[in-house]
Each structure stands twice: as C-alpha cells, then as structure tokens.
Amino acid sequence: MNASQETFNQIAAAAAHFTGNGWTARVVGGTVRDWAMGVPSNDFDFVVKGPEGSTFEDAVAHFSTFGEWVATAETTFAFKVRVEGFEEDCDFVWARKEHGPWDKDGKPAFCTEGTFEDDEARRDFTWNAMSIDAEGTFRDPFNGMADMETGTIRACGNAFDRFMESPDRAGRAMKFAARFGWAADEDMEAAFANPEFWERCAASNSDTRQNAWRGAFGEDAQAAAMFFGSWPKGMCEAFTAGCTMKFKG
C-alpha cells in the first residue's frame, strides 16, 4: 500500500470541517480506499450522526448550511451538498440500517436510523467500509486493508446475504477485479455457485447488470473477462439474462 500521511490528514480535516456542536462526520468508502492505495481522489463521501433526538431532515438542514443543497434521496437517507473548497459535490448519508425485502434494483424495503456500526455492516466490500473521523481515527471493521494487500474482494459479513440483497454487487465486484486485478474470496465464489443466487440475479434489473458489464470491460477488458470466466456457467447465464451481451458457454 502507498498510503500518504499528508492525504490522511487532509481526509481527517475534511471530516473535522463537518464535525462539531453534537454533529459527527466520518469520511467513508472510496475516498478512504483510494487513500490506502495511494490513488488521488477528490470525491468525498461522509456518513453522519447528529445530537440525540435529531432526524434525517435535521441532518439535511444542518449540513446544507455549509454550502448549497443539491439533492436528497429520502428513502436511503442520502443527500448531496456543494461546498466551497471541495472539488466535487459532497455526498452525505445519515447512518442507516437497511431492512428487506430488497427489490430487483437492490433497494431495501425501508431504512431506519442506525449506528455507525450498522452503516458499516450494510456496505458491499470490506475496503469500502473503512472510515476516518475528525480526530484522525482510522476504522477498518472488516479488515479491508489486509484484503487490499492480498488483492482480495471480500463482502462485509456473509457474502451470500450481501449478494442476495443487491445482485448488482456482482457487477461491482467485476469492476474492481478489472480495475485492480483483484480476485473474489472463497465465500464470494460459493455465493456465485449457488443456484438460488442465479435466480435472484437473473430477475434483477438487466440495465444495471449491462451497465456494470460495460463499466468493467471499459476498465480492463482482459481482466474483466478473466473474472467473468471464473464464474460457473449458471452464474454467467444469470448475469447476462435479458442483456444485449450474451454468454456463449
């Protein structure tokens, strides 16, 4: 890993910018993953909590005072604010817990306010659950740093459950395999070999799967093809079901 202390300090400072008066912000996800890999990133994602009794609506109102409100997704407790000093719009999510059943687009039936730990547990892969807070505390609840060191794509918690929730995570796994040359762990391979997941995958949104395919092959066609080729035939057929690209096994 090529993690920079200077970049780490900048990330902690970004969290500190939004932390205070009972409000807490952590930088999470791709920003932290990219820092760990030494990859430049101007895209900041924050998970936030407020004072006791505060609501999602309070969070949107509070963090919008830092800049210009851009958009809100109420069902997933997410919102976007344009803040001076940040090159990209800042993405915020009110720490949430997701509840099923999940629809064909991988969206939960509903969300409730959660703890920071709940929010970590609902994320897709171990290195996307890493975070940095205003005090410079680095959290890595699922040992994502170790997985990056070994080039491993590992789900947070039970792989089968994470993929049954949102089948498009298979496409995201393919994208990271293509981008970084990483490989799925044994639990993910077992999930991809499960006919129950094939059925769920084939019934999911074909446009989402096709876009993931294009994105992965746009990163590195050879690496994407190798990752896709490692799947069982049933999984390949399920992932391409209803898409213009077809599996020829």
C-alpha atoms as a PDB file:
ATOM      1  CA  MET A   1       0.000   0.000   0.000  1.00  0.00           C
ATOM      2  CA  ASN A   2       1.151   3.557  -0.735  1.00  0.00           C
ATOM      3  CA  ALA A   3      -0.921   5.418   1.855  1.00  0.00           C
ATOM      4  CA  SER A   4       0.189   9.021   2.372  1.00  0.00           C
ATOM      5  CA  GLN A   5       0.137  10.665   5.806  1.00  0.00           C
ATOM      6  CA  GLU A   6      -0.471  14.018   4.131  1.00  0.00           C
ATOM      7  CA  THR A   7      -3.566  12.704   2.347  1.00  0.00           C
ATOM      8  CA  PHE A   8      -4.744  11.011   5.550  1.00  0.00           C
ATOM      9  CA  ASN A   9      -4.506  14.359   7.349  1.00  0.00           C
ATOM     10  CA  GLN A  10      -6.478  16.040   4.561  1.00  0.00           C
ATOM     11  CA  ILE A  11      -9.228  13.433   4.882  1.00  0.00           C
ATOM     12  CA  ALA A  12      -9.362  13.862   8.663  1.00  0.00           C
ATOM     13  CA  ALA A  13      -9.543  17.639   8.139  1.00  0.00           C
ATOM     14  CA  ALA A  14     -12.493  17.143   5.775  1.00  0.00           C
ATOM     15  CA  ALA A  15     -14.295  15.150   8.479  1.00  0.00           C
ATOM     16  CA  ALA A  16     -13.421  17.851  11.025  1.00  0.00           C
ATOM     17  CA  HIS A  17     -14.908  20.519   8.746  1.00  0.00           C
ATOM     18  CA  PHE A  18     -18.350  18.976   9.298  1.00  0.00           C
ATOM     19  CA  THR A  19     -17.910  17.820  12.909  1.00  0.00           C
ATOM     20  CA  GLY A  20     -18.998  19.871  15.919  1.00  0.00           C
ATOM     21  CA  ASN A  21     -21.937  21.020  18.047  1.00  0.00           C
ATOM     22  CA  GLY A  22     -23.111  17.451  18.511  1.00  0.00           C
ATOM     23  CA  TRP A  23     -22.714  16.516  14.863  1.00  0.00           C
ATOM     24  CA  THR A  24     -20.206  13.876  13.750  1.00  0.00           C
ATOM     25  CA  ALA A  25     -18.946  13.164  10.240  1.00  0.00           C
ATOM     26  CA  ARG A  26     -16.714  10.340   9.055  1.00  0.00           C
ATOM     27  CA  VAL A  27     -15.180  10.073   5.604  1.00  0.00           C
ATOM     28  CA  VAL A  28     -16.002   6.609   4.310  1.00  0.00           C
ATOM     29  CA  GLY A  29     -15.851   4.309   1.308  1.00  0.00           C
ATOM     30  CA  GLY A  30     -13.972   5.003  -1.907  1.00  0.00           C
ATOM     31  CA  THR A  31     -12.209   8.102  -0.579  1.00  0.00           C
ATOM     32  CA  VAL A  32     -10.540   6.064   2.162  1.00  0.00           C
ATOM     33  CA  ARG A  33      -9.905   3.068  -0.091  1.00  0.00           C
ATOM     34  CA  ASP A  34      -8.171   5.317  -2.621  1.00  0.00           C
ATOM     35  CA  TRP A  35      -6.061   6.916   0.133  1.00  0.00           C
ATOM     36  CA  ALA A  36      -4.902   3.464   1.256  1.00  0.00           C
ATOM     37  CA  MET A  37      -3.848   2.654  -2.311  1.00  0.00           C
ATOM     38  CA  GLY A  38      -2.151   5.985  -2.933  1.00  0.00           C
ATOM     39  CA  VAL A  39      -4.718   6.897  -5.592  1.00  0.00           C
ATOM     40  CA  PRO A  40      -5.742  10.593  -5.822  1.00  0.00           C
ATOM     41  CA  SER A  41      -9.417  11.278  -5.086  1.00  0.00           C
ATOM     42  CA  ASN A  42     -11.487  14.453  -4.990  1.00  0.00           C
ATOM     43  CA  ASP A  43     -14.761  12.651  -4.318  1.00  0.00           C
ATOM     44  CA  PHE A  44     -15.740  12.770  -0.632  1.00  0.00           C
ATOM     45  CA  ASP A  45     -18.379  10.520   0.940  1.00  0.00           C
ATOM     46  CA  PHE A  46     -19.456  11.155   4.526  1.00  0.00           C
ATOM     47  CA  VAL A  47     -21.526   9.139   6.976  1.00  0.00           C
ATOM     48  CA  VAL A  48     -23.009  11.397   9.655  1.00  0.00           C
ATOM     49  CA  LYS A  49     -24.769  11.323  13.011  1.00  0.00           C
ATOM     50  CA  GLY A  50     -26.362  14.141  14.988  1.00  0.00           C
ATOM     51  CA  PRO A  51     -27.251  15.087  18.542  1.00  0.00           C
ATOM     52  CA  GLU A  52     -29.680  12.832  20.397  1.00  0.00           C
ATOM     53  CA  GLY A  53     -33.177  13.254  19.000  1.00  0.00           C
ATOM     54  CA  SER A  54     -32.035  14.672  15.666  1.00  0.00           C
ATOM     55  CA  THR A  55     -33.605  13.385  12.450  1.00  0.00           C
ATOM     56  CA  PHE A  56     -32.592  12.902   8.844  1.00  0.00           C
ATOM     57  CA  GLU A  57     -34.387  16.139   7.987  1.00  0.00           C
ATOM     58  CA  ASP A  58     -32.329  17.906  10.667  1.00  0.00           C
ATOM     59  CA  ALA A  59     -29.151  16.475   9.119  1.00  0.00           C
ATOM     60  CA  VAL A  60     -30.051  17.749   5.634  1.00  0.00           C
ATOM     61  CA  ALA A  61     -30.822  21.197   7.038  1.00  0.00           C
ATOM     62  CA  HIS A  62     -27.652  21.309   9.158  1.00  0.00           C
ATOM     63  CA  PHE A  63     -25.132  20.174   6.561  1.00  0.00           C
ATOM     64  CA  SER A  64     -26.751  22.309   3.855  1.00  0.00           C
ATOM     65  CA  THR A  65     -25.622  25.374   5.847  1.00  0.00           C
ATOM     66  CA  PHE A  66     -22.056  24.523   4.786  1.00  0.00           C
ATOM     67  CA  GLY A  67     -22.855  25.218   1.149  1.00  0.00           C
ATOM     68  CA  GLU A  68     -25.561  24.745  -1.449  1.00  0.00           C
ATOM     69  CA  TRP A  69     -28.003  21.854  -1.167  1.00  0.00           C
ATOM     70  CA  VAL A  70     -28.047  19.815  -4.393  1.00  0.00           C
ATOM     71  CA  ALA A  71     -30.248  16.731  -3.967  1.00  0.00           C
ATOM     72  CA  THR A  72     -31.889  14.405  -1.440  1.00  0.00           C
ATOM     73  CA  ALA A  73     -32.820  10.703  -1.614  1.00  0.00           C
ATOM     74  CA  GLU A  74     -35.149  10.349   1.355  1.00  0.00           C
ATOM     75  CA  THR A  75     -35.667   6.582   1.119  1.00  0.00           C
ATOM     76  CA  THR A  76     -31.945   5.889   1.524  1.00  0.00           C
ATOM     77  CA  PHE A  77     -31.141   8.790   3.894  1.00  0.00           C
ATOM     78  CA  ALA A  78     -28.712  10.283   1.374  1.00  0.00           C
ATOM     79  CA  PHE A  79     -28.135  13.859   0.271  1.00  0.00           C
ATOM     80  CA  LYS A  80     -25.640  15.937  -1.650  1.00  0.00           C
ATOM     81  CA  VAL A  81     -24.244  19.400  -0.864  1.00  0.00           C
ATOM     82  CA  ARG A  82     -21.970  21.642  -2.935  1.00  0.00           C
ATOM     83  CA  VAL A  83     -19.344  23.017  -0.541  1.00  0.00           C
ATOM     84  CA  GLU A  84     -16.704  25.623  -1.284  1.00  0.00           C
ATOM     85  CA  GLY A  85     -13.219  24.162  -1.084  1.00  0.00           C
ATOM     86  CA  PHE A  86     -14.291  20.711  -2.285  1.00  0.00           C
ATOM     87  CA  GLU A  87     -13.793  19.999  -5.989  1.00  0.00           C
ATOM     88  CA  GLU A  88     -16.764  17.617  -6.187  1.00  0.00           C
ATOM     89  CA  ASP A  89     -20.174  17.778  -4.530  1.00  0.00           C
ATOM     90  CA  CYS A  90     -20.041  16.176  -1.081  1.00  0.00           C
ATOM     91  CA  ASP A  91     -22.147  13.044  -0.627  1.00  0.00           C
ATOM     92  CA  PHE A  92     -23.668  12.502   2.815  1.00  0.00           C
ATOM     93  CA  VAL A  93     -25.586   9.580   4.258  1.00  0.00           C
ATOM     94  CA  TRP A  94     -27.371   9.598   7.599  1.00  0.00           C
ATOM     95  CA  ALA A  95     -26.055   6.440   9.306  1.00  0.00           C
ATOM     96  CA  ARG A  96     -28.656   3.864   8.431  1.00  0.00           C
ATOM     97  CA  LYS A  97     -29.793   0.309   8.873  1.00  0.00           C
ATOM     98  CA  GLU A  98     -31.416  -1.396   5.889  1.00  0.00           C
ATOM     99  CA  HIS A  99     -34.443  -3.696   6.051  1.00  0.00           C
ATOM    100  CA  GLY A 100     -35.681  -6.161   3.421  1.00  0.00           C
ATOM    101  CA  PRO A 101     -37.010  -7.411   1.232  1.00  0.00           C
ATOM    102  CA  TRP A 102     -34.774  -5.844  -1.380  1.00  0.00           C
ATOM    103  CA  ASP A 103     -36.291  -5.113  -4.805  1.00  0.00           C
ATOM    104  CA  LYS A 104     -34.900  -6.040  -8.227  1.00  0.00           C
ATOM    105  CA  ASP A 105     -32.771  -2.885  -8.205  1.00  0.00           C
ATOM    106  CA  GLY A 106     -31.179  -3.913  -4.896  1.00  0.00           C
ATOM    107  CA  LYS A 107     -33.007  -1.240  -2.913  1.00  0.00           C
ATOM    108  CA  PRO A 108     -34.230  -2.127   0.593  1.00  0.00           C
ATOM    109  CA  ALA A 109     -37.898  -2.003   1.537  1.00  0.00           C
ATOM    110  CA  PHE A 110     -37.080   0.732   4.026  1.00  0.00           C
ATOM    111  CA  CYS A 111     -34.278   2.195   6.116  1.00  0.00           C
ATOM    112  CA  THR A 112     -34.140   3.278   9.737  1.00  0.00           C
ATOM    113  CA  GLU A 113     -31.672   5.397  11.633  1.00  0.00           C
ATOM    114  CA  GLY A 114     -28.677   3.292  12.574  1.00  0.00           C
ATOM    115  CA  THR A 115     -25.366   3.432  14.352  1.00  0.00           C
ATOM    116  CA  PHE A 116     -22.048   3.888  12.610  1.00  0.00           C
ATOM    117  CA  GLU A 117     -21.609   0.122  13.044  1.00  0.00           C
ATOM    118  CA  ASP A 118     -24.942  -0.538  11.304  1.00  0.00           C
ATOM    119  CA  ASP A 119     -23.838   1.618   8.414  1.00  0.00           C
ATOM    120  CA  GLU A 120     -20.541  -0.235   8.126  1.00  0.00           C
ATOM    121  CA  ALA A 121     -22.304  -3.610   8.093  1.00  0.00           C
ATOM    122  CA  ARG A 122     -24.613  -2.712   5.187  1.00  0.00           C
ATOM    123  CA  ARG A 123     -21.761  -1.848   2.827  1.00  0.00           C
ATOM    124  CA  ASP A 124     -20.663  -4.108  -0.009  1.00  0.00           C
ATOM    125  CA  PHE A 125     -16.958  -4.904   0.330  1.00  0.00           C
ATOM    126  CA  THR A 126     -14.558  -4.837   3.275  1.00  0.00           C
ATOM    127  CA  TRP A 127     -12.383  -1.986   1.998  1.00  0.00           C
ATOM    128  CA  ASN A 128     -15.464   0.161   1.306  1.00  0.00           C
ATOM    129  CA  ALA A 129     -16.411   0.053   4.995  1.00  0.00           C
ATOM    130  CA  MET A 130     -13.189   1.746   6.118  1.00  0.00           C
ATOM    131  CA  SER A 131     -13.502   5.275   7.532  1.00  0.00           C
ATOM    132  CA  ILE A 132     -11.562   8.196   9.013  1.00  0.00           C
ATOM    133  CA  ASP A 133     -13.010  10.630  11.555  1.00  0.00           C
ATOM    134  CA  ALA A 134     -12.218  14.191  12.610  1.00  0.00           C
ATOM    135  CA  GLU A 135      -9.743  13.038  15.265  1.00  0.00           C
ATOM    136  CA  GLY A 136      -7.757  11.013  12.757  1.00  0.00           C
ATOM    137  CA  THR A 137      -9.087   7.650  13.900  1.00  0.00           C
ATOM    138  CA  PHE A 138      -8.959   5.028  11.165  1.00  0.00           C
ATOM    139  CA  ARG A 139     -11.649   2.338  11.349  1.00  0.00           C
ATOM    140  CA  ASP A 140     -11.346  -0.927   9.446  1.00  0.00           C
ATOM    141  CA  PRO A 141     -14.077  -3.183  10.889  1.00  0.00           C
ATOM    142  CA  PHE A 142     -13.799  -5.962   8.294  1.00  0.00           C
ATOM    143  CA  ASN A 143     -10.015  -5.940   7.745  1.00  0.00           C
ATOM    144  CA  GLY A 144     -10.284  -4.292   4.358  1.00  0.00           C
ATOM    145  CA  MET A 145      -6.683  -3.103   4.436  1.00  0.00           C
ATOM    146  CA  ALA A 146      -5.473  -6.699   4.692  1.00  0.00           C
ATOM    147  CA  ASP A 147      -7.730  -7.682   1.794  1.00  0.00           C
ATOM    148  CA  MET A 148      -6.269  -4.929  -0.370  1.00  0.00           C
ATOM    149  CA  GLU A 149      -2.782  -6.134   0.499  1.00  0.00           C
ATOM    150  CA  THR A 150      -3.672  -9.604  -0.820  1.00  0.00           C
ATOM    151  CA  GLY A 151      -5.797  -8.365  -3.729  1.00  0.00           C
ATOM    152  CA  THR A 152      -8.983  -9.895  -2.328  1.00  0.00           C
ATOM    153  CA  ILE A 153     -12.591  -8.875  -2.986  1.00  0.00           C
ATOM    154  CA  ARG A 154     -14.490  -9.859   0.148  1.00  0.00           C
ATOM    155  CA  ALA A 155     -18.035  -8.987   1.177  1.00  0.00           C
ATOM    156  CA  CYS A 156     -18.862  -7.371   4.503  1.00  0.00           C
ATOM    157  CA  GLY A 157     -20.257 -10.215   6.579  1.00  0.00           C
ATOM    158  CA  ASN A 158     -21.979 -13.101   4.796  1.00  0.00           C
ATOM    159  CA  ALA A 159     -21.278 -12.939   1.057  1.00  0.00           C
ATOM    160  CA  PHE A 160     -24.426 -14.810   0.020  1.00  0.00           C
ATOM    161  CA  ASP A 161     -26.611 -12.428   2.041  1.00  0.00           C
ATOM    162  CA  ARG A 162     -24.910  -9.317   0.625  1.00  0.00           C
ATOM    163  CA  PHE A 163     -25.354 -10.508  -2.963  1.00  0.00           C
ATOM    164  CA  MET A 164     -28.932 -11.669  -2.446  1.00  0.00           C
ATOM    165  CA  GLU A 165     -29.725  -8.183  -1.156  1.00  0.00           C
ATOM    166  CA  SER A 166     -28.275  -6.478  -4.210  1.00  0.00           C
ATOM    167  CA  PRO A 167     -27.235  -8.661  -7.169  1.00  0.00           C
ATOM    168  CA  ASP A 168     -25.611  -5.673  -8.862  1.00  0.00           C
ATOM    169  CA  ARG A 169     -22.768  -6.150  -6.386  1.00  0.00           C
ATOM    170  CA  ALA A 170     -21.592  -8.945  -8.678  1.00  0.00           C
ATOM    171  CA  GLY A 171     -21.084  -6.297 -11.331  1.00  0.00           C
ATOM    172  CA  ARG A 172     -19.285  -4.059  -8.857  1.00  0.00           C
ATOM    173  CA  ALA A 173     -17.018  -6.962  -7.943  1.00  0.00           C
ATOM    174  CA  MET A 174     -16.229  -7.417 -11.633  1.00  0.00           C
ATOM    175  CA  LYS A 175     -15.418  -3.710 -11.926  1.00  0.00           C
ATOM    176  CA  PHE A 176     -12.924  -3.835  -9.048  1.00  0.00           C
ATOM    177  CA  ALA A 177     -11.418  -7.038 -10.432  1.00  0.00           C
ATOM    178  CA  ALA A 178     -10.916  -5.277 -13.751  1.00  0.00           C
ATOM    179  CA  ARG A 179      -9.583  -2.061 -12.216  1.00  0.00           C
ATOM    180  CA  PHE A 180      -7.156  -3.554  -9.722  1.00  0.00           C
ATOM    181  CA  GLY A 181      -6.638  -7.161 -10.825  1.00  0.00           C
ATOM    182  CA  TRP A 182      -8.180  -8.457  -7.591  1.00  0.00           C
ATOM    183  CA  ALA A 183      -9.902 -11.826  -7.077  1.00  0.00           C
ATOM    184  CA  ALA A 184     -13.006 -12.989  -5.226  1.00  0.00           C
ATOM    185  CA  ASP A 185     -12.602 -14.784  -1.903  1.00  0.00           C
ATOM    186  CA  GLU A 186     -13.957 -18.295  -1.322  1.00  0.00           C
ATOM    187  CA  ASP A 187     -17.236 -17.125   0.238  1.00  0.00           C
ATOM    188  CA  MET A 188     -17.979 -14.954  -2.798  1.00  0.00           C
ATOM    189  CA  GLU A 189     -17.155 -17.811  -5.128  1.00  0.00           C
ATOM    190  CA  ALA A 190     -19.576 -20.002  -3.149  1.00  0.00           C
ATOM    191  CA  ALA A 191     -22.308 -17.362  -3.479  1.00  0.00           C
ATOM    192  CA  PHE A 192     -21.749 -17.212  -7.239  1.00  0.00           C
ATOM    193  CA  ALA A 193     -22.049 -21.006  -7.402  1.00  0.00           C
ATOM    194  CA  ASN A 194     -25.428 -21.031  -5.622  1.00  0.00           C
ATOM    195  CA  PRO A 195     -28.436 -21.556  -7.976  1.00  0.00           C
ATOM    196  CA  GLU A 196     -30.602 -19.532  -5.581  1.00  0.00           C
ATOM    197  CA  PHE A 197     -28.441 -16.516  -6.321  1.00  0.00           C
ATOM    198  CA  TRP A 198     -28.540 -17.218 -10.061  1.00  0.00           C
ATOM    199  CA  GLU A 199     -32.339 -16.964  -9.917  1.00  0.00           C
ATOM    200  CA  ARG A 200     -32.168 -13.721  -7.944  1.00  0.00           C
ATOM    201  CA  CYS A 201     -29.532 -12.296 -10.284  1.00  0.00           C
ATOM    202  CA  ALA A 202     -31.446 -13.138 -13.470  1.00  0.00           C
ATOM    203  CA  ALA A 203     -34.571 -11.433 -12.057  1.00  0.00           C
ATOM    204  CA  SER A 204     -32.687  -8.232 -11.180  1.00  0.00           C
ATOM    205  CA  ASN A 205     -32.562  -5.131 -13.347  1.00  0.00           C
ATOM    206  CA  SER A 206     -30.859  -6.092 -16.628  1.00  0.00           C
ATOM    207  CA  ASP A 207     -29.910  -2.481 -17.419  1.00  0.00           C
ATOM    208  CA  THR A 208     -27.937  -2.281 -14.167  1.00  0.00           C
ATOM    209  CA  ARG A 209     -26.130  -5.528 -14.949  1.00  0.00           C
ATOM    210  CA  GLN A 210     -25.384  -4.444 -18.506  1.00  0.00           C
ATOM    211  CA  ASN A 211     -24.010  -1.087 -17.334  1.00  0.00           C
ATOM    212  CA  ALA A 212     -21.799  -2.897 -14.819  1.00  0.00           C
ATOM    213  CA  TRP A 213     -20.539  -5.165 -17.606  1.00  0.00           C
ATOM    214  CA  ARG A 214     -19.669  -2.199 -19.813  1.00  0.00           C
ATOM    215  CA  GLY A 215     -18.009  -0.406 -16.927  1.00  0.00           C
ATOM    216  CA  ALA A 216     -15.863  -3.400 -16.030  1.00  0.00           C
ATOM    217  CA  PHE A 217     -14.807  -4.093 -19.606  1.00  0.00           C
ATOM    218  CA  GLY A 218     -14.083  -0.391 -20.015  1.00  0.00           C
ATOM    219  CA  GLU A 219     -11.608  -0.603 -17.119  1.00  0.00           C
ATOM    220  CA  ASP A 220      -9.652  -3.577 -18.454  1.00  0.00           C
ATOM    221  CA  ALA A 221     -11.343  -5.954 -20.874  1.00  0.00           C
ATOM    222  CA  GLN A 222      -8.893  -8.801 -20.334  1.00  0.00           C
ATOM    223  CA  ALA A 223      -9.088  -8.666 -16.521  1.00  0.00           C
ATOM    224  CA  ALA A 224     -12.898  -8.375 -16.634  1.00  0.00           C
ATOM    225  CA  ALA A 225     -13.118 -11.363 -18.977  1.00  0.00           C
ATOM    226  CA  MET A 226     -10.904 -13.437 -16.677  1.00  0.00           C
ATOM    227  CA  PHE A 227     -13.069 -12.610 -13.660  1.00  0.00           C
ATOM    228  CA  PHE A 228     -16.297 -13.314 -15.564  1.00  0.00           C
ATOM    229  CA  GLY A 229     -14.797 -16.520 -16.964  1.00  0.00           C
ATOM    230  CA  SER A 230     -14.112 -17.794 -13.451  1.00  0.00           C
ATOM    231  CA  TRP A 231     -17.870 -17.931 -12.717  1.00  0.00           C
ATOM    232  CA  PRO A 232     -19.910 -21.119 -13.098  1.00  0.00           C
ATOM    233  CA  LYS A 233     -21.899 -21.363 -16.325  1.00  0.00           C
ATOM    234  CA  GLY A 234     -25.207 -20.861 -14.477  1.00  0.00           C
ATOM    235  CA  MET A 235     -23.926 -17.646 -12.933  1.00  0.00           C
ATOM    236  CA  CYS A 236     -22.719 -16.329 -16.302  1.00  0.00           C
ATOM    237  CA  GLU A 237     -26.103 -17.058 -17.875  1.00  0.00           C
ATOM    238  CA  ALA A 238     -27.934 -15.411 -14.973  1.00  0.00           C
ATOM    239  CA  PHE A 239     -25.797 -12.261 -15.078  1.00  0.00           C
ATOM    240  CA  THR A 240     -26.329 -11.793 -18.819  1.00  0.00           C
ATOM    241  CA  ALA A 241     -30.054 -12.705 -18.803  1.00  0.00           C
ATOM    242  CA  GLY A 242     -32.111 -10.044 -20.572  1.00  0.00           C
ATOM    243  CA  CYS A 243     -29.000  -8.161 -21.721  1.00  0.00           C
ATOM    244  CA  THR A 244     -27.778  -7.446 -25.221  1.00  0.00           C
ATOM    245  CA  MET A 245     -24.449  -9.083 -24.368  1.00  0.00           C
ATOM    246  CA  LYS A 246     -24.873 -12.844 -24.267  1.00  0.00           C
ATOM    247  CA  PHE A 247     -22.945 -15.631 -22.609  1.00  0.00           C
ATOM    248  CA  LYS A 248     -21.744 -18.287 -25.016  1.00  0.00           C
ATOM    249  CA  GLY A 249     -20.566 -21.179 -22.907  1.00  0.00           C
END
